[in-house]
Protein backbone atom coordinates (compact mmCIF):
# COMPACT_ATOMS: atom_id res chain seq x y z
CA MET A 1 218.62 -85.75 -134.23
CA SER A 2 215.29 -86.73 -132.68
CA GLY A 3 212.96 -88.83 -134.80
CA ARG A 4 210.38 -86.04 -134.46
CA VAL A 5 212.43 -83.86 -136.85
CA GLU A 6 214.52 -85.25 -139.70
CA SER A 7 217.42 -83.33 -141.24
CA GLU A 8 218.75 -83.65 -144.80
CA ARG A 9 221.49 -81.65 -146.53
CA ARG A 10 220.85 -80.81 -150.17
CA GLY A 11 223.71 -78.75 -151.51
CA GLY A 12 223.66 -75.41 -149.73
CA ALA A 13 220.30 -76.05 -148.08
CA LEU A 14 219.30 -77.87 -144.91
CA TRP A 15 215.87 -79.47 -145.14
CA LEU A 16 214.10 -80.00 -141.81
CA THR A 17 211.09 -82.32 -141.89
CA LEU A 18 208.44 -82.55 -139.18
CA ALA A 19 208.19 -86.32 -138.87
CA ARG A 20 205.08 -87.35 -136.99
CA PRO A 21 202.85 -88.16 -139.97
CA GLU A 22 200.53 -90.51 -138.08
CA LYS A 23 199.38 -87.45 -136.09
CA LEU A 24 199.48 -85.00 -139.03
CA ASN A 25 202.76 -83.73 -137.52
CA ALA A 26 200.95 -82.30 -134.50
CA LEU A 27 203.41 -80.31 -132.42
CA ASP A 28 203.95 -82.01 -129.07
CA ALA A 29 206.63 -81.18 -126.50
CA ALA A 30 209.08 -83.66 -128.03
CA MET A 31 208.73 -82.13 -131.49
CA VAL A 32 209.10 -78.59 -130.12
CA ALA A 33 212.33 -79.63 -128.38
CA ALA A 34 213.60 -81.43 -131.49
CA LEU A 35 212.90 -78.49 -133.77
CA ASP A 36 214.51 -76.11 -131.30
CA SER A 37 217.69 -78.22 -131.36
CA ALA A 38 217.56 -78.53 -135.15
CA LEU A 39 217.44 -74.74 -135.52
CA ASP A 40 220.48 -74.42 -133.26
CA GLU A 41 222.33 -76.87 -135.48
CA ALA A 42 221.20 -75.03 -138.62
CA ALA A 43 222.44 -71.73 -137.23
CA ALA A 44 225.87 -73.22 -136.50
CA ASP A 45 226.22 -75.03 -139.84
CA ASP A 46 228.15 -72.77 -142.21
CA GLU A 47 227.54 -75.16 -145.10
CA ALA A 48 223.80 -74.54 -144.86
CA ARG A 49 222.92 -71.18 -146.38
CA VAL A 50 219.16 -71.79 -146.59
CA VAL A 51 216.86 -73.70 -144.23
CA VAL A 52 213.71 -75.40 -145.54
CA LEU A 53 210.90 -76.50 -143.20
CA ARG A 54 208.31 -79.04 -144.36
CA GLY A 55 206.07 -81.82 -143.05
CA ALA A 56 206.02 -85.55 -143.75
CA GLY A 57 202.92 -87.42 -144.84
CA ARG A 58 199.54 -85.87 -145.61
CA ALA A 59 200.06 -82.41 -144.11
CA PHE A 60 202.57 -79.79 -143.08
CA SER A 61 201.17 -79.82 -139.52
CA ALA A 62 197.80 -79.71 -137.78
CA GLY A 63 199.24 -77.40 -135.10
CA TYR A 64 199.84 -78.01 -131.42
CA ASP A 65 198.75 -81.40 -130.13
CA LEU A 66 195.49 -80.89 -128.22
CA GLY A 67 195.64 -84.47 -127.00
CA GLU A 68 198.85 -83.78 -125.08
CA ALA A 69 197.21 -81.32 -122.69
CA PRO A 70 196.62 -82.66 -119.15
CA PRO A 71 192.97 -82.93 -118.04
CA GLY A 72 191.39 -80.12 -116.07
CA PRO A 73 191.95 -76.36 -115.96
CA ARG A 74 195.38 -74.77 -115.75
CA SER A 75 196.40 -71.47 -114.20
CA GLU A 76 197.54 -68.42 -116.13
CA GLY A 77 201.05 -69.03 -114.82
CA GLU A 78 201.09 -72.59 -116.16
CA TRP A 79 199.80 -71.41 -119.51
CA CYS A 80 202.31 -68.58 -119.62
CA ALA A 81 205.20 -71.01 -119.17
CA GLU A 82 203.97 -73.31 -121.94
CA LEU A 83 203.19 -70.48 -124.35
CA ALA A 84 206.56 -68.86 -123.65
CA ARG A 85 208.23 -72.11 -124.73
CA ASP A 86 206.24 -72.21 -127.96
CA LEU A 87 206.79 -68.51 -128.63
CA SER A 88 210.52 -68.94 -128.08
CA LEU A 89 210.65 -71.63 -130.77
CA THR A 90 208.75 -69.50 -133.27
CA LEU A 91 210.91 -66.46 -132.64
CA LYS A 92 214.09 -68.55 -132.92
CA LEU A 93 212.96 -69.50 -136.42
CA ALA A 94 211.94 -65.92 -137.21
CA THR A 95 215.30 -64.50 -136.14
CA LEU A 96 217.53 -67.16 -137.70
CA GLU A 97 220.24 -65.30 -139.61
CA LYS A 98 219.74 -67.43 -142.70
CA PRO A 99 216.92 -67.41 -145.26
CA THR A 100 214.12 -69.78 -144.31
CA VAL A 101 211.59 -71.34 -146.68
CA ALA A 102 208.38 -73.11 -145.65
CA CYS A 103 207.31 -75.90 -148.01
CA VAL A 104 203.63 -76.44 -147.21
CA HIS A 105 201.04 -79.01 -148.24
CA GLY A 106 197.77 -80.14 -146.68
CA TRP A 107 196.73 -78.70 -143.33
CA CYS A 108 198.71 -75.86 -141.78
CA LEU A 109 196.87 -74.80 -138.64
CA GLY A 110 197.43 -72.93 -135.39
CA GLY A 111 200.99 -73.18 -134.13
CA ALA A 112 202.08 -74.63 -137.47
CA LEU A 113 200.92 -71.45 -139.17
CA ASP A 114 202.99 -69.49 -136.65
CA LEU A 115 206.05 -71.42 -137.86
CA VAL A 116 205.19 -70.66 -141.48
CA LEU A 117 204.73 -66.97 -140.65
CA ALA A 118 208.19 -67.02 -139.07
CA CYS A 119 209.74 -68.15 -142.36
CA ASP A 120 211.00 -65.66 -144.93
CA LEU A 121 209.37 -67.33 -147.92
CA VAL A 122 206.50 -69.78 -148.37
CA VAL A 123 205.85 -72.21 -151.21
CA ALA A 124 202.50 -74.01 -150.98
CA SER A 125 200.81 -76.78 -152.90
CA ASP A 126 197.34 -76.13 -154.25
CA ASP A 127 195.85 -78.51 -151.67
CA ALA A 128 197.22 -76.56 -148.69
CA ARG A 129 194.85 -74.93 -146.21
CA PHE A 130 195.81 -72.33 -143.62
CA GLY A 131 194.01 -71.27 -140.45
CA ILE A 132 194.15 -70.24 -136.80
CA PRO A 133 191.18 -72.09 -135.23
CA GLU A 134 192.19 -71.65 -131.58
CA ILE A 135 189.46 -69.17 -130.68
CA ARG A 136 186.87 -71.88 -131.31
CA TYR A 137 188.37 -73.89 -128.46
CA GLY A 138 188.70 -71.01 -126.03
CA SER A 139 192.34 -70.20 -126.70
CA GLY A 140 194.31 -67.97 -129.03
CA PRO A 141 197.32 -67.87 -131.34
CA VAL A 142 200.78 -68.33 -129.85
CA THR A 143 202.06 -65.30 -131.77
CA LEU A 144 200.66 -62.19 -133.38
CA LEU A 145 202.79 -62.38 -136.51
CA LEU A 146 199.77 -62.66 -138.80
CA PRO A 147 198.76 -58.94 -138.79
CA PHE A 148 202.28 -58.02 -139.85
CA ALA A 149 202.15 -60.54 -142.70
CA ILE A 150 198.73 -59.91 -144.25
CA GLY A 151 197.46 -56.70 -142.67
CA GLU A 152 195.19 -55.97 -139.75
CA LYS A 153 191.75 -56.52 -141.29
CA HIS A 154 192.54 -59.83 -142.97
CA ALA A 155 194.29 -61.06 -139.81
CA ASN A 156 191.35 -59.98 -137.65
CA GLU A 157 188.97 -62.05 -139.75
CA LEU A 158 191.04 -65.22 -139.62
CA ILE A 159 191.78 -64.93 -135.89
CA LEU A 160 188.25 -63.97 -134.79
CA THR A 161 186.37 -66.50 -136.96
CA GLY A 162 188.81 -69.39 -136.77
CA ASP A 163 188.13 -70.03 -140.46
CA ASP A 164 190.72 -71.63 -142.72
CA VAL A 165 191.58 -70.52 -146.27
CA SER A 166 192.81 -72.23 -149.40
CA ALA A 167 196.30 -71.87 -150.83
CA ALA A 168 194.93 -69.63 -153.57
CA GLU A 169 193.31 -67.31 -151.02
CA ALA A 170 196.44 -67.37 -148.87
CA HIS A 171 198.41 -66.26 -151.93
CA ARG A 172 195.95 -63.44 -152.59
CA LEU A 173 196.30 -62.29 -148.97
CA GLY A 174 200.09 -62.29 -149.21
CA LEU A 175 200.57 -65.18 -146.81
CA VAL A 176 202.41 -67.34 -149.36
CA ASN A 177 204.77 -66.50 -152.23
CA ARG A 178 204.01 -69.29 -154.69
CA VAL A 179 201.30 -71.90 -155.21
CA VAL A 180 201.95 -74.97 -157.37
CA PRO A 181 200.32 -78.36 -157.96
CA ARG A 182 201.09 -80.87 -155.22
CA GLU A 183 203.36 -82.95 -157.44
CA ARG A 184 205.53 -79.91 -158.17
CA LEU A 185 205.88 -78.61 -154.60
CA GLU A 186 209.31 -80.03 -153.84
CA GLU A 187 210.64 -79.11 -157.28
CA GLU A 188 209.44 -75.51 -156.96
CA THR A 189 210.87 -75.22 -153.45
CA GLU A 190 214.24 -76.49 -154.67
CA ARG A 191 214.11 -74.02 -157.55
CA LEU A 192 213.52 -71.11 -155.16
CA VAL A 193 216.27 -72.34 -152.83
CA GLY A 194 218.57 -72.51 -155.84
CA ARG A 195 218.03 -68.79 -156.43
CA ILE A 196 219.35 -68.03 -152.92
CA ALA A 197 221.93 -70.67 -151.97
CA PRO A 198 224.77 -69.43 -154.26
CA THR A 199 224.88 -66.13 -152.33
CA PRO A 200 227.81 -65.76 -149.88
CA LEU A 201 226.75 -66.72 -146.36
CA GLU A 202 227.88 -63.45 -144.79
CA ALA A 203 225.85 -61.47 -147.33
CA LEU A 204 222.79 -63.52 -146.44
CA ARG A 205 223.38 -63.01 -142.73
CA LEU A 206 223.73 -59.24 -143.03
CA THR A 207 220.65 -59.04 -145.24
CA LYS A 208 218.65 -61.04 -142.70
CA ARG A 209 219.83 -58.73 -139.92
CA SER A 210 218.63 -55.77 -141.95
CA LEU A 211 215.24 -57.38 -142.58
CA LEU A 212 214.92 -58.27 -138.90
CA ALA A 213 215.77 -54.69 -137.93
CA ALA A 214 212.98 -53.47 -140.21
CA ARG A 215 210.58 -55.93 -138.59
CA GLU A 216 211.60 -54.71 -135.15
CA ALA A 217 211.10 -51.08 -136.22
CA MET A 218 207.50 -51.98 -137.14
CA GLY A 219 206.93 -53.24 -133.60
CA THR A 220 206.65 -56.93 -134.45
CA MET A 221 208.64 -58.20 -131.47
CA ARG A 222 207.04 -55.78 -129.01
CA ALA A 223 203.65 -57.08 -130.12
CA GLN A 224 204.68 -60.65 -129.27
CA ALA A 225 205.80 -59.66 -125.77
CA ALA A 226 202.54 -57.80 -125.14
CA HIS A 227 200.49 -60.71 -126.48
CA LEU A 228 201.97 -63.43 -124.25
CA PRO A 229 200.23 -62.62 -120.90
CA LEU A 230 196.94 -61.94 -122.69
CA SER A 231 197.16 -65.26 -124.49
CA ALA A 232 197.83 -67.01 -121.17
CA ALA A 233 194.75 -65.38 -119.65
CA LEU A 234 192.68 -66.39 -122.67
CA ASN A 235 193.81 -70.01 -122.47
CA ALA A 236 193.07 -70.13 -118.73
CA LEU A 237 189.45 -69.01 -119.21
CA ASP A 238 186.84 -71.26 -117.64
CA THR A 239 183.80 -71.27 -119.95
CA PRO A 240 180.80 -73.61 -120.34
CA GLU A 241 181.96 -74.40 -123.88
CA GLY A 242 185.43 -75.25 -122.67
CA ARG A 243 184.12 -77.53 -119.94
CA GLU A 244 181.84 -79.33 -122.38
CA PHE A 245 184.69 -79.72 -124.87
CA ASP A 246 186.86 -81.25 -122.12
CA ARG A 247 184.03 -83.55 -121.02
CA ILE A 248 183.43 -84.91 -124.52
CA ALA A 249 187.16 -85.32 -125.10
CA ALA A 250 187.51 -87.30 -121.87
CA GLU A 251 184.47 -89.51 -122.49
CA GLN A 252 184.47 -89.93 -126.28
CA GLY A 253 187.89 -88.83 -127.48
CA LEU A 254 189.39 -85.70 -129.00
CA LYS A 255 187.93 -86.28 -132.48
CA ALA A 256 184.39 -86.31 -131.06
CA ALA A 257 185.06 -83.10 -129.13
CA LEU A 258 186.40 -81.38 -132.24
CA ALA A 259 183.37 -82.50 -134.25
CA TRP A 260 181.01 -81.20 -131.53
CA ARG A 261 182.69 -77.80 -131.53
CA ALA A 262 182.76 -77.60 -135.33
CA CYS A 263 178.96 -77.91 -135.42
CA ALA A 264 178.59 -74.52 -133.74
CA TYR A 265 180.43 -72.90 -136.65
CA ALA A 266 178.85 -74.78 -139.54
CA GLU A 267 177.33 -72.46 -142.13
CA PRO A 268 173.66 -73.04 -143.02
CA GLY A 269 173.37 -75.74 -145.64
CA LYS A 270 176.92 -76.96 -145.09
CA GLN A 271 178.08 -79.90 -143.02
CA ALA A 272 180.59 -79.09 -140.29
CA ASP A 273 184.11 -80.18 -141.10
CA GLU A 274 185.24 -82.80 -138.62
CA GLY A 275 188.91 -82.52 -139.61
């Protein structure tokens, strides 16, 4: 398996680890491809009854790698192709006919949050933070799973402001199932997995199919299909803010561009977060 995603069998569970810690597990094309292949292997592995997704190092994942994007504007068609690839990965995880558990610590932003939303259960450490900041950079979320997870009004606020929330707030919103101290995260995840893994595989598969049918009846998948062309149009927008962001990134680096954009959203009396 690619070094971007590591796989480990623990009893009846397959643990998949995003392994690009030096970049906070930012999702580049290589990691998307590796995770896509890992999910295919997980689906075909009858010894794995539960799939766990986590991140190595200091964070679950900072989301899609902004530094990977080529310089200059891209057409709606180009964006649509890239977003379709990312959406396909998220939906593959969401429709896997095995229970999936996200084990989250540190930052979980943008496309990484989409992956967490695609999982059936979420265990988070108390230092985890969740957000969809894309609107601040002139783009939007890859999926629209969030409204189905936490309700329309809460989802609207997170998507429109680009704000991030703590693990405790994410638990209150219904985004995560359990919050534990950082040092107990793996233990608690294993405990939850242990409540599921003894179940016969076929029973788990049929239950997942039933849950997926309920999700489809609520219009979840239709919403994703409708969102894709709109997201491509949003990403292809040519705005003064977008051009300035690109200029700073080209001349001073991505971190400087992110810090510049964060200043526009800093609350009075608070310093903008450069992270």
